[in-house]
Amino acid sequence: MNAKSITLIAIFAAVAIALNAIKIPSIYWPGFNYTFCEIPIVVSFLLFGFKIGVLVEVLHIAGQLLLFPVGLAGFAGYTPGLVVMLLMFFGLYLASRLITRKASSEKPFSMRKSTIYLTAFAIAIRGTLMPFFDYGVTYHFLFPLFLQISIPEAYVAALVPGFILYNVTVPLYTVPIAYFVATRVSRALKIELRFLKQV
């Protein structure tokens, strides 16, 4: 890894931390907000691959805990964030494999078509699996463990549609913006996208 890559990793982590300050409340899931902090993390994944994407997310979480300490509540909130990014990375990886395979047998994919595939797979994986994690782990394990509260089952069950809607809508803006930024950065700095060779 060269100095340019290390600098970009630090920049992406810093931007992710800074973007946490912009919060748009979700009216259907109390306590949860739409943020833009996932965008630079996805950009780092597209540019450098899985290990660097995870590293940027870990640095993002560490920065949040250091700069905005919230005690044990932070662990309850930031642990699902890491799981979310792993699911998004998996969806993007599957989409990139399909795009690469189709592009080798057909004409190269347009940016629009690649964006649609990447977004659709990220939504499919995150929107399908993350609501189970939110229901079973976040509300039945992490919150009781770190916050020492027991949330009524009826309340958690009523939030399930919100879990699904949130995890479907976040990739709708995160992935297209991240892919656009990643392609521009890769061209400007002559860094090849890790998974998508055809742009």
N, C-alpha and C. Protein backbone atom coordinates (compact mmCIF):
# COMPACT_ATOMS: atom_id res chain seq x y z
N MET A 1 0.85 -1.18 0.00
CA MET A 1 0.00 0.00 0.00
C MET A 1 0.89 1.24 0.00
N ASN A 2 0.65 2.13 -0.95
CA ASN A 2 1.50 3.31 -1.06
C ASN A 2 0.93 4.48 -0.25
N ALA A 3 1.70 5.58 -0.24
CA ALA A 3 1.31 6.75 0.56
C ALA A 3 -0.01 7.35 0.09
N LYS A 4 -0.26 7.31 -1.23
CA LYS A 4 -1.51 7.84 -1.76
C LYS A 4 -2.71 7.07 -1.21
N SER A 5 -2.59 5.75 -1.17
CA SER A 5 -3.69 4.92 -0.66
C SER A 5 -3.92 5.16 0.82
N ILE A 6 -2.84 5.25 1.60
CA ILE A 6 -2.98 5.49 3.04
C ILE A 6 -3.64 6.84 3.30
N THR A 7 -3.23 7.84 2.53
CA THR A 7 -3.83 9.18 2.67
C THR A 7 -5.32 9.14 2.36
N LEU A 8 -5.69 8.43 1.28
CA LEU A 8 -7.11 8.34 0.92
C LEU A 8 -7.91 7.61 1.98
N ILE A 9 -7.35 6.55 2.55
CA ILE A 9 -8.03 5.81 3.62
C ILE A 9 -8.31 6.73 4.80
N ALA A 10 -7.31 7.51 5.21
CA ALA A 10 -7.49 8.45 6.32
C ALA A 10 -8.54 9.50 5.98
N ILE A 11 -8.51 9.98 4.75
CA ILE A 11 -9.49 10.99 4.33
C ILE A 11 -10.90 10.42 4.35
N PHE A 12 -11.08 9.20 3.80
CA PHE A 12 -12.41 8.59 3.78
C PHE A 12 -12.94 8.38 5.20
N ALA A 13 -12.09 7.92 6.11
CA ALA A 13 -12.52 7.72 7.49
C ALA A 13 -12.90 9.04 8.14
N ALA A 14 -12.10 10.09 7.90
CA ALA A 14 -12.39 11.41 8.47
C ALA A 14 -13.69 11.98 7.91
N VAL A 15 -13.90 11.82 6.60
CA VAL A 15 -15.13 12.31 5.99
C VAL A 15 -16.34 11.55 6.54
N ALA A 16 -16.20 10.24 6.73
CA ALA A 16 -17.30 9.45 7.30
C ALA A 16 -17.66 9.94 8.69
N ILE A 17 -16.64 10.24 9.50
CA ILE A 17 -16.89 10.76 10.85
C ILE A 17 -17.60 12.11 10.77
N ALA A 18 -17.10 12.98 9.89
CA ALA A 18 -17.69 14.32 9.76
C ALA A 18 -19.13 14.25 9.27
N LEU A 19 -19.41 13.33 8.36
CA LEU A 19 -20.76 13.24 7.80
C LEU A 19 -21.80 12.74 8.80
N ASN A 20 -21.34 12.15 9.91
CA ASN A 20 -22.29 11.74 10.95
C ASN A 20 -23.02 12.92 11.56
N ALA A 21 -22.46 14.12 11.40
CA ALA A 21 -23.10 15.30 11.96
C ALA A 21 -24.39 15.66 11.22
N ILE A 22 -24.51 15.19 9.98
CA ILE A 22 -25.71 15.47 9.20
C ILE A 22 -26.70 14.33 9.43
N LYS A 23 -27.78 14.64 10.09
CA LYS A 23 -28.77 13.61 10.44
C LYS A 23 -30.15 14.05 10.01
N ILE A 24 -30.84 13.15 9.33
CA ILE A 24 -32.23 13.38 8.95
C ILE A 24 -33.06 12.32 9.65
N PRO A 25 -33.87 12.72 10.62
CA PRO A 25 -34.63 11.73 11.40
C PRO A 25 -35.56 10.89 10.52
N SER A 26 -35.59 9.60 10.80
CA SER A 26 -36.56 8.73 10.13
C SER A 26 -37.83 8.77 10.97
N ILE A 27 -38.91 9.19 10.38
CA ILE A 27 -40.15 9.39 11.15
C ILE A 27 -40.79 8.07 11.57
N TYR A 28 -40.37 6.97 10.96
CA TYR A 28 -41.01 5.69 11.23
C TYR A 28 -40.19 4.79 12.16
N TRP A 29 -38.95 5.16 12.49
CA TRP A 29 -38.12 4.34 13.37
C TRP A 29 -37.49 5.26 14.41
N PRO A 30 -38.10 5.37 15.58
CA PRO A 30 -37.63 6.31 16.61
C PRO A 30 -36.16 6.08 16.97
N GLY A 31 -35.40 7.17 17.01
CA GLY A 31 -34.00 7.09 17.40
C GLY A 31 -33.04 6.84 16.26
N PHE A 32 -33.56 6.55 15.07
CA PHE A 32 -32.68 6.29 13.93
C PHE A 32 -32.78 7.42 12.93
N ASN A 33 -31.64 7.72 12.31
CA ASN A 33 -31.55 8.84 11.37
C ASN A 33 -30.95 8.38 10.06
N TYR A 34 -31.30 9.09 9.01
CA TYR A 34 -30.59 8.93 7.75
C TYR A 34 -29.33 9.78 7.84
N THR A 35 -28.20 9.19 7.50
CA THR A 35 -26.93 9.92 7.48
C THR A 35 -26.23 9.61 6.16
N PHE A 36 -25.13 10.30 5.95
CA PHE A 36 -24.36 10.11 4.71
C PHE A 36 -23.00 9.50 4.99
N CYS A 37 -22.79 9.04 6.22
CA CYS A 37 -21.47 8.53 6.61
C CYS A 37 -21.09 7.22 5.90
N GLU A 38 -22.06 6.49 5.39
CA GLU A 38 -21.74 5.23 4.71
C GLU A 38 -21.15 5.45 3.32
N ILE A 39 -21.38 6.63 2.74
CA ILE A 39 -20.92 6.88 1.38
C ILE A 39 -19.40 6.76 1.24
N PRO A 40 -18.59 7.46 2.06
CA PRO A 40 -17.14 7.31 1.90
C PRO A 40 -16.63 5.90 2.22
N ILE A 41 -17.35 5.19 3.05
CA ILE A 41 -16.95 3.81 3.37
C ILE A 41 -17.17 2.91 2.16
N VAL A 42 -18.29 3.08 1.49
CA VAL A 42 -18.55 2.31 0.27
C VAL A 42 -17.58 2.72 -0.84
N VAL A 43 -17.25 4.01 -0.92
CA VAL A 43 -16.26 4.46 -1.90
C VAL A 43 -14.93 3.75 -1.67
N SER A 44 -14.50 3.67 -0.43
CA SER A 44 -13.22 3.00 -0.12
C SER A 44 -13.28 1.52 -0.49
N PHE A 45 -14.43 0.89 -0.28
CA PHE A 45 -14.58 -0.51 -0.67
C PHE A 45 -14.47 -0.68 -2.18
N LEU A 46 -15.13 0.18 -2.93
CA LEU A 46 -15.10 0.07 -4.39
C LEU A 46 -13.70 0.33 -4.94
N LEU A 47 -12.97 1.24 -4.30
CA LEU A 47 -11.63 1.57 -4.78
C LEU A 47 -10.58 0.55 -4.37
N PHE A 48 -10.65 0.09 -3.11
CA PHE A 48 -9.54 -0.70 -2.55
C PHE A 48 -9.92 -2.13 -2.15
N GLY A 49 -11.20 -2.44 -2.07
CA GLY A 49 -11.60 -3.79 -1.74
C GLY A 49 -12.06 -3.96 -0.30
N PHE A 50 -12.32 -5.21 0.05
CA PHE A 50 -12.97 -5.56 1.31
C PHE A 50 -12.16 -5.13 2.54
N LYS A 51 -10.88 -5.48 2.59
CA LYS A 51 -10.09 -5.20 3.79
C LYS A 51 -10.03 -3.71 4.10
N ILE A 52 -9.82 -2.91 3.07
CA ILE A 52 -9.73 -1.47 3.28
C ILE A 52 -11.10 -0.89 3.63
N GLY A 53 -12.15 -1.40 3.00
CA GLY A 53 -13.50 -0.95 3.34
C GLY A 53 -13.81 -1.20 4.80
N VAL A 54 -13.46 -2.39 5.29
CA VAL A 54 -13.68 -2.72 6.71
C VAL A 54 -12.80 -1.83 7.59
N LEU A 55 -11.55 -1.61 7.19
CA LEU A 55 -10.65 -0.75 7.96
C LEU A 55 -11.22 0.66 8.09
N VAL A 56 -11.73 1.21 7.00
CA VAL A 56 -12.31 2.55 7.05
C VAL A 56 -13.53 2.57 7.98
N GLU A 57 -14.35 1.52 7.94
CA GLU A 57 -15.51 1.45 8.84
C GLU A 57 -15.06 1.35 10.30
N VAL A 58 -14.04 0.56 10.58
CA VAL A 58 -13.54 0.43 11.96
C VAL A 58 -12.97 1.77 12.44
N LEU A 59 -12.21 2.45 11.57
CA LEU A 59 -11.69 3.77 11.93
C LEU A 59 -12.82 4.77 12.15
N HIS A 60 -13.87 4.64 11.35
CA HIS A 60 -15.05 5.50 11.51
C HIS A 60 -15.69 5.26 12.87
N ILE A 61 -15.87 4.01 13.25
CA ILE A 61 -16.47 3.68 14.55
C ILE A 61 -15.57 4.16 15.68
N ALA A 62 -14.26 3.92 15.57
CA ALA A 62 -13.33 4.34 16.61
C ALA A 62 -13.34 5.86 16.75
N GLY A 63 -13.37 6.56 15.64
CA GLY A 63 -13.43 8.01 15.68
C GLY A 63 -14.69 8.52 16.34
N GLN A 64 -15.80 7.86 16.05
CA GLN A 64 -17.07 8.24 16.68
C GLN A 64 -17.01 8.05 18.19
N LEU A 65 -16.46 6.91 18.61
CA LEU A 65 -16.39 6.62 20.05
C LEU A 65 -15.44 7.58 20.77
N LEU A 66 -14.36 7.99 20.09
CA LEU A 66 -13.40 8.91 20.71
C LEU A 66 -13.88 10.35 20.71
N LEU A 67 -14.43 10.79 19.59
CA LEU A 67 -14.82 12.20 19.46
C LEU A 67 -16.19 12.50 20.06
N PHE A 68 -17.08 11.52 20.00
CA PHE A 68 -18.43 11.72 20.51
C PHE A 68 -18.79 10.58 21.45
N PRO A 69 -18.13 10.49 22.59
CA PRO A 69 -18.35 9.36 23.50
C PRO A 69 -19.80 9.34 24.02
N VAL A 70 -20.39 8.18 23.93
CA VAL A 70 -21.77 8.01 24.42
C VAL A 70 -21.85 6.82 25.37
N GLY A 71 -20.71 6.40 25.89
CA GLY A 71 -20.69 5.29 26.84
C GLY A 71 -21.03 3.97 26.18
N LEU A 72 -21.63 3.09 26.96
CA LEU A 72 -21.95 1.76 26.45
C LEU A 72 -22.99 1.79 25.34
N ALA A 73 -23.77 2.85 25.28
CA ALA A 73 -24.78 2.97 24.22
C ALA A 73 -24.12 2.97 22.85
N GLY A 74 -22.88 3.46 22.79
CA GLY A 74 -22.17 3.48 21.51
C GLY A 74 -21.95 2.09 20.95
N PHE A 75 -21.63 1.15 21.82
CA PHE A 75 -21.42 -0.22 21.36
C PHE A 75 -22.72 -0.83 20.83
N ALA A 76 -23.82 -0.48 21.47
CA ALA A 76 -25.12 -0.98 21.01
C ALA A 76 -25.48 -0.39 19.66
N GLY A 77 -25.05 0.85 19.41
CA GLY A 77 -25.39 1.51 18.16
C GLY A 77 -24.41 1.24 17.04
N TYR A 78 -23.12 1.14 17.37
CA TYR A 78 -22.10 1.01 16.32
C TYR A 78 -21.85 -0.42 15.86
N THR A 79 -22.16 -1.39 16.70
CA THR A 79 -21.99 -2.79 16.28
C THR A 79 -22.87 -3.12 15.07
N PRO A 80 -24.15 -2.74 15.08
CA PRO A 80 -24.95 -2.99 13.87
C PRO A 80 -24.41 -2.27 12.64
N GLY A 81 -23.74 -1.12 12.86
CA GLY A 81 -23.16 -0.39 11.74
C GLY A 81 -22.11 -1.20 10.99
N LEU A 82 -21.30 -1.93 11.72
CA LEU A 82 -20.29 -2.79 11.09
C LEU A 82 -20.96 -3.92 10.32
N VAL A 83 -22.00 -4.51 10.90
CA VAL A 83 -22.73 -5.59 10.22
C VAL A 83 -23.38 -5.07 8.95
N VAL A 84 -23.96 -3.87 9.02
CA VAL A 84 -24.58 -3.25 7.86
C VAL A 84 -23.57 -3.14 6.72
N MET A 85 -22.37 -2.64 7.03
CA MET A 85 -21.37 -2.45 5.99
C MET A 85 -20.91 -3.79 5.40
N LEU A 86 -20.78 -4.81 6.23
CA LEU A 86 -20.39 -6.13 5.72
C LEU A 86 -21.45 -6.66 4.75
N LEU A 87 -22.71 -6.47 5.09
CA LEU A 87 -23.79 -6.92 4.19
C LEU A 87 -23.79 -6.11 2.89
N MET A 88 -23.57 -4.80 3.00
CA MET A 88 -23.51 -3.97 1.79
C MET A 88 -22.34 -4.41 0.92
N PHE A 89 -21.18 -4.64 1.53
CA PHE A 89 -20.00 -5.07 0.77
C PHE A 89 -20.29 -6.39 0.05
N PHE A 90 -20.96 -7.30 0.73
CA PHE A 90 -21.27 -8.59 0.12
C PHE A 90 -22.19 -8.40 -1.08
N GLY A 91 -23.20 -7.57 -0.94
CA GLY A 91 -24.10 -7.29 -2.06
C GLY A 91 -23.37 -6.64 -3.22
N LEU A 92 -22.50 -5.69 -2.93
CA LEU A 92 -21.73 -5.03 -3.99
C LEU A 92 -20.77 -6.00 -4.66
N TYR A 93 -20.20 -6.89 -3.87
CA TYR A 93 -19.28 -7.89 -4.42
C TYR A 93 -20.02 -8.82 -5.39
N LEU A 94 -21.19 -9.29 -4.97
CA LEU A 94 -21.98 -10.17 -5.85
C LEU A 94 -22.36 -9.45 -7.14
N ALA A 95 -22.77 -8.19 -7.02
CA ALA A 95 -23.13 -7.41 -8.21
C ALA A 95 -21.93 -7.23 -9.12
N SER A 96 -20.76 -6.95 -8.55
CA SER A 96 -19.56 -6.74 -9.37
C SER A 96 -19.16 -8.01 -10.10
N ARG A 97 -19.34 -9.16 -9.46
CA ARG A 97 -19.04 -10.43 -10.13
C ARG A 97 -19.95 -10.63 -11.32
N LEU A 98 -21.23 -10.33 -11.15
CA LEU A 98 -22.20 -10.46 -12.25
C LEU A 98 -21.88 -9.47 -13.37
N ILE A 99 -21.57 -8.25 -13.00
CA ILE A 99 -21.24 -7.22 -14.00
C ILE A 99 -20.01 -7.63 -14.79
N THR A 100 -18.97 -8.10 -14.10
CA THR A 100 -17.73 -8.51 -14.76
C THR A 100 -17.98 -9.68 -15.71
N ARG A 101 -18.79 -10.64 -15.26
CA ARG A 101 -19.09 -11.80 -16.09
C ARG A 101 -19.87 -11.40 -17.34
N LYS A 102 -20.89 -10.54 -17.16
CA LYS A 102 -21.70 -10.12 -18.30
C LYS A 102 -20.89 -9.23 -19.24
N ALA A 103 -20.04 -8.38 -18.68
CA ALA A 103 -19.25 -7.46 -19.50
C ALA A 103 -18.21 -8.20 -20.34
N SER A 104 -17.77 -9.37 -19.87
CA SER A 104 -16.77 -10.13 -20.63
C SER A 104 -17.40 -10.82 -21.84
N SER A 105 -18.71 -11.07 -21.77
CA SER A 105 -19.37 -11.74 -22.88
C SER A 105 -20.17 -10.78 -23.76
N GLU A 106 -20.43 -9.58 -23.26
CA GLU A 106 -21.17 -8.59 -24.00
C GLU A 106 -20.34 -7.31 -24.09
N LYS A 107 -20.96 -6.24 -24.58
CA LYS A 107 -20.26 -4.96 -24.58
C LYS A 107 -20.19 -4.44 -23.14
N PRO A 108 -19.20 -3.61 -22.82
CA PRO A 108 -19.05 -3.11 -21.45
C PRO A 108 -20.31 -2.43 -20.94
N PHE A 109 -20.55 -2.58 -19.65
CA PHE A 109 -21.73 -1.98 -19.03
C PHE A 109 -21.58 -0.47 -18.98
N SER A 110 -22.70 0.22 -19.13
CA SER A 110 -22.70 1.66 -18.93
C SER A 110 -22.66 1.94 -17.43
N MET A 111 -22.32 3.16 -17.08
CA MET A 111 -22.29 3.53 -15.66
C MET A 111 -23.69 3.40 -15.06
N ARG A 112 -24.71 3.77 -15.82
CA ARG A 112 -26.08 3.68 -15.32
C ARG A 112 -26.46 2.24 -15.00
N LYS A 113 -26.14 1.33 -15.91
CA LYS A 113 -26.49 -0.08 -15.71
C LYS A 113 -25.71 -0.67 -14.53
N SER A 114 -24.44 -0.33 -14.43
CA SER A 114 -23.64 -0.80 -13.30
C SER A 114 -24.21 -0.28 -11.98
N THR A 115 -24.62 0.98 -11.97
CA THR A 115 -25.20 1.58 -10.76
C THR A 115 -26.47 0.84 -10.36
N ILE A 116 -27.30 0.50 -11.34
CA ILE A 116 -28.55 -0.21 -11.04
C ILE A 116 -28.25 -1.58 -10.44
N TYR A 117 -27.32 -2.32 -11.03
CA TYR A 117 -26.96 -3.64 -10.50
C TYR A 117 -26.40 -3.54 -9.08
N LEU A 118 -25.47 -2.62 -8.88
CA LEU A 118 -24.85 -2.47 -7.56
C LEU A 118 -25.89 -2.10 -6.51
N THR A 119 -26.75 -1.15 -6.85
CA THR A 119 -27.77 -0.71 -5.90
C THR A 119 -28.77 -1.84 -5.60
N ALA A 120 -29.21 -2.53 -6.63
CA ALA A 120 -30.19 -3.60 -6.46
C ALA A 120 -29.65 -4.72 -5.56
N PHE A 121 -28.40 -5.11 -5.78
CA PHE A 121 -27.82 -6.19 -4.96
C PHE A 121 -27.60 -5.73 -3.52
N ALA A 122 -27.17 -4.48 -3.34
CA ALA A 122 -26.98 -3.97 -1.98
C ALA A 122 -28.32 -3.93 -1.24
N ILE A 123 -29.37 -3.50 -1.93
CA ILE A 123 -30.70 -3.48 -1.33
C ILE A 123 -31.17 -4.90 -1.01
N ALA A 124 -30.97 -5.81 -1.94
CA ALA A 124 -31.44 -7.19 -1.75
C ALA A 124 -30.80 -7.84 -0.53
N ILE A 125 -29.47 -7.70 -0.41
CA ILE A 125 -28.77 -8.34 0.71
C ILE A 125 -29.07 -7.63 2.02
N ARG A 126 -28.89 -6.32 2.04
CA ARG A 126 -29.11 -5.56 3.28
C ARG A 126 -30.58 -5.57 3.68
N GLY A 127 -31.46 -5.33 2.72
CA GLY A 127 -32.88 -5.26 3.02
C GLY A 127 -33.49 -6.58 3.45
N THR A 128 -32.86 -7.69 3.04
CA THR A 128 -33.36 -9.01 3.42
C THR A 128 -32.81 -9.48 4.76
N LEU A 129 -31.51 -9.27 4.99
CA LEU A 129 -30.86 -9.84 6.18
C LEU A 129 -30.81 -8.91 7.39
N MET A 130 -30.61 -7.62 7.16
CA MET A 130 -30.43 -6.71 8.29
C MET A 130 -31.66 -6.58 9.19
N PRO A 131 -32.89 -6.62 8.66
CA PRO A 131 -34.03 -6.57 9.58
C PRO A 131 -34.04 -7.72 10.60
N PHE A 132 -33.56 -8.90 10.20
CA PHE A 132 -33.46 -10.02 11.15
C PHE A 132 -32.45 -9.70 12.23
N PHE A 133 -31.33 -9.08 11.84
CA PHE A 133 -30.31 -8.70 12.82
C PHE A 133 -30.86 -7.64 13.76
N ASP A 134 -31.54 -6.63 13.19
CA ASP A 134 -32.12 -5.58 14.03
C ASP A 134 -33.09 -6.16 15.05
N TYR A 135 -33.94 -7.05 14.57
CA TYR A 135 -34.96 -7.63 15.45
C TYR A 135 -34.34 -8.56 16.49
N GLY A 136 -33.52 -9.51 16.03
CA GLY A 136 -33.03 -10.55 16.92
C GLY A 136 -31.83 -10.16 17.76
N VAL A 137 -30.91 -9.39 17.19
CA VAL A 137 -29.66 -9.07 17.89
C VAL A 137 -29.70 -7.68 18.52
N THR A 138 -30.03 -6.66 17.73
CA THR A 138 -29.99 -5.29 18.26
C THR A 138 -30.98 -5.10 19.41
N TYR A 139 -32.23 -5.49 19.18
CA TYR A 139 -33.26 -5.20 20.18
C TYR A 139 -33.41 -6.28 21.26
N HIS A 140 -32.97 -7.50 20.96
CA HIS A 140 -33.11 -8.56 21.96
C HIS A 140 -31.80 -8.93 22.65
N PHE A 141 -30.68 -8.40 22.16
CA PHE A 141 -29.39 -8.72 22.80
C PHE A 141 -28.58 -7.47 23.12
N LEU A 142 -28.28 -6.64 22.10
CA LEU A 142 -27.39 -5.50 22.31
C LEU A 142 -28.00 -4.44 23.22
N PHE A 143 -29.23 -4.05 22.96
CA PHE A 143 -29.86 -3.03 23.81
C PHE A 143 -30.00 -3.52 25.25
N PRO A 144 -30.51 -4.73 25.50
CA PRO A 144 -30.58 -5.19 26.89
C PRO A 144 -29.19 -5.31 27.54
N LEU A 145 -28.17 -5.72 26.77
CA LEU A 145 -26.84 -5.91 27.33
C LEU A 145 -26.18 -4.58 27.68
N PHE A 146 -26.15 -3.65 26.73
CA PHE A 146 -25.41 -2.41 26.93
C PHE A 146 -26.23 -1.29 27.57
N LEU A 147 -27.52 -1.26 27.31
CA LEU A 147 -28.35 -0.19 27.85
C LEU A 147 -29.12 -0.61 29.10
N GLN A 148 -29.07 -1.90 29.41
CA GLN A 148 -29.76 -2.43 30.59
C GLN A 148 -31.25 -2.10 30.57
N ILE A 149 -31.84 -2.24 29.37
CA ILE A 149 -33.28 -2.03 29.26
C ILE A 149 -33.89 -3.23 28.55
N SER A 150 -35.13 -3.49 28.88
CA SER A 150 -35.87 -4.55 28.22
C SER A 150 -36.99 -3.89 27.41
N ILE A 151 -36.97 -4.12 26.12
CA ILE A 151 -37.95 -3.49 25.25
C ILE A 151 -39.11 -4.46 25.03
N PRO A 152 -40.34 -3.99 25.21
CA PRO A 152 -41.50 -4.88 25.04
C PRO A 152 -41.55 -5.50 23.64
N GLU A 153 -41.89 -6.77 23.59
CA GLU A 153 -41.92 -7.50 22.33
C GLU A 153 -42.87 -6.87 21.33
N ALA A 154 -44.02 -6.38 21.80
CA ALA A 154 -45.00 -5.77 20.89
C ALA A 154 -44.41 -4.52 20.23
N TYR A 155 -43.61 -3.76 20.99
CA TYR A 155 -42.99 -2.56 20.43
C TYR A 155 -41.98 -2.93 19.35
N VAL A 156 -41.14 -3.94 19.63
CA VAL A 156 -40.13 -4.36 18.66
C VAL A 156 -40.81 -4.90 17.40
N ALA A 157 -41.85 -5.71 17.58
CA ALA A 157 -42.57 -6.27 16.43
C ALA A 157 -43.17 -5.16 15.58
N ALA A 158 -43.65 -4.09 16.21
CA ALA A 158 -44.24 -2.98 15.47
C ALA A 158 -43.19 -2.21 14.67
N LEU A 159 -41.91 -2.33 15.07
CA LEU A 159 -40.83 -1.64 14.36
C LEU A 159 -40.32 -2.40 13.13
N VAL A 160 -40.71 -3.66 12.98
CA VAL A 160 -40.18 -4.48 11.88
C VAL A 160 -40.38 -3.84 10.50
N PRO A 161 -41.56 -3.29 10.18
CA PRO A 161 -41.68 -2.61 8.88
C PRO A 161 -40.68 -1.46 8.73
N GLY A 162 -40.39 -0.77 9.85
CA GLY A 162 -39.39 0.29 9.83
C GLY A 162 -38.00 -0.23 9.57
N PHE A 163 -37.66 -1.39 10.16
CA PHE A 163 -36.36 -2.02 9.90
C PHE A 163 -36.19 -2.26 8.40
N ILE A 164 -37.24 -2.82 7.82
CA ILE A 164 -37.18 -3.17 6.38
C ILE A 164 -37.07 -1.90 5.53
N LEU A 165 -37.94 -0.93 5.78
CA LEU A 165 -37.94 0.30 4.98
C LEU A 165 -36.60 1.03 5.08
N TYR A 166 -36.06 1.13 6.27
CA TYR A 166 -34.78 1.83 6.46
C TYR A 166 -33.66 1.13 5.70
N ASN A 167 -33.59 -0.18 5.83
CA ASN A 167 -32.49 -0.93 5.20
C ASN A 167 -32.64 -1.07 3.69
N VAL A 168 -33.81 -0.75 3.17
CA VAL A 168 -34.01 -0.71 1.72
C VAL A 168 -33.71 0.69 1.17
N THR A 169 -34.09 1.72 1.93
CA THR A 169 -33.94 3.08 1.41
C THR A 169 -32.51 3.62 1.51
N VAL A 170 -31.75 3.24 2.52
CA VAL A 170 -30.40 3.78 2.66
C VAL A 170 -29.51 3.44 1.45
N PRO A 171 -29.49 2.18 0.97
CA PRO A 171 -28.68 1.91 -0.23
C PRO A 171 -29.14 2.65 -1.48
N LEU A 172 -30.40 3.09 -1.51
CA LEU A 172 -30.93 3.80 -2.68
C LEU A 172 -30.17 5.09 -2.98
N TYR A 173 -29.67 5.74 -1.93
CA TYR A 173 -28.87 6.94 -2.18
C TYR A 173 -27.38 6.70 -1.92
N THR A 174 -27.06 5.78 -1.02
CA THR A 174 -25.65 5.55 -0.68
C THR A 174 -24.86 4.98 -1.86
N VAL A 175 -25.38 3.92 -2.48
CA VAL A 175 -24.63 3.23 -3.52
C VAL A 175 -24.45 4.09 -4.78
N PRO A 176 -25.50 4.71 -5.33
CA PRO A 176 -25.27 5.53 -6.52
C PRO A 176 -24.27 6.67 -6.30
N ILE A 177 -24.39 7.36 -5.16
CA ILE A 177 -23.45 8.45 -4.89
C ILE A 177 -22.04 7.90 -4.73
N ALA A 178 -21.89 6.81 -3.97
CA ALA A 178 -20.57 6.22 -3.74
C ALA A 178 -19.94 5.74 -5.04
N TYR A 179 -20.73 5.12 -5.89
CA TYR A 179 -20.18 4.63 -7.16
C TYR A 179 -19.75 5.79 -8.05
N PHE A 180 -20.56 6.84 -8.08
CA PHE A 180 -20.21 8.03 -8.87
C PHE A 180 -18.89 8.63 -8.36
N VAL A 181 -18.77 8.79 -7.05
CA VAL A 181 -17.55 9.36 -6.46
C VAL A 181 -16.36 8.45 -6.72
N ALA A 182 -16.55 7.13 -6.54
CA ALA A 182 -15.44 6.18 -6.74
C ALA A 182 -14.92 6.21 -8.17
N THR A 183 -15.83 6.28 -9.14
CA THR A 183 -15.38 6.31 -10.54
C THR A 183 -14.62 7.59 -10.84
N ARG A 184 -15.07 8.71 -10.27
CA ARG A 184 -14.38 9.98 -10.51
C ARG A 184 -13.01 9.99 -9.84
N VAL A 185 -12.94 9.49 -8.61
CA VAL A 185 -11.65 9.45 -7.90
C VAL A 185 -10.69 8.52 -8.63
N SER A 186 -11.18 7.37 -9.08
CA SER A 186 -10.31 6.40 -9.76
C SER A 186 -9.73 6.99 -11.04
N ARG A 187 -10.54 7.76 -11.76
CA ARG A 187 -10.05 8.37 -13.00
C ARG A 187 -9.08 9.52 -12.71
N ALA A 188 -9.43 10.34 -11.71
CA ALA A 188 -8.59 11.50 -11.40
C ALA A 188 -7.23 11.09 -10.84
N LEU A 189 -7.21 10.06 -10.00
CA LEU A 189 -5.97 9.65 -9.35
C LEU A 189 -5.35 8.40 -9.98
N LYS A 190 -5.97 7.94 -11.08
CA LYS A 190 -5.48 6.75 -11.77
C LYS A 190 -5.37 5.53 -10.84
N ILE A 191 -6.46 5.33 -10.08
CA ILE A 191 -6.59 4.16 -9.21
C ILE A 191 -7.68 3.28 -9.81
N GLU A 192 -7.37 2.03 -10.09
CA GLU A 192 -8.36 1.15 -10.69
C GLU A 192 -9.34 0.69 -9.62
N LEU A 193 -10.63 0.74 -9.96
CA LEU A 193 -11.63 0.22 -9.05
C LEU A 193 -11.35 -1.24 -8.74
N ARG A 194 -11.39 -1.62 -7.49
CA ARG A 194 -10.98 -2.96 -7.06
C ARG A 194 -11.80 -4.06 -7.71
N PHE A 195 -13.13 -3.88 -7.76
CA PHE A 195 -13.97 -4.96 -8.26
C PHE A 195 -14.52 -4.70 -9.65
N LEU A 196 -14.67 -3.45 -10.02
CA LEU A 196 -15.27 -3.16 -11.32
C LEU A 196 -14.22 -2.66 -12.29
N LYS A 197 -13.80 -3.52 -13.13
CA LYS A 197 -12.80 -3.13 -14.14
C LYS A 197 -13.48 -2.43 -15.31
N GLN A 198 -14.74 -2.81 -15.58
CA GLN A 198 -15.47 -2.22 -16.71
C GLN A 198 -16.33 -1.08 -16.19
N VAL A 199 -16.06 0.13 -16.67
CA VAL A 199 -16.86 1.29 -16.26
C VAL A 199 -17.37 1.98 -17.52
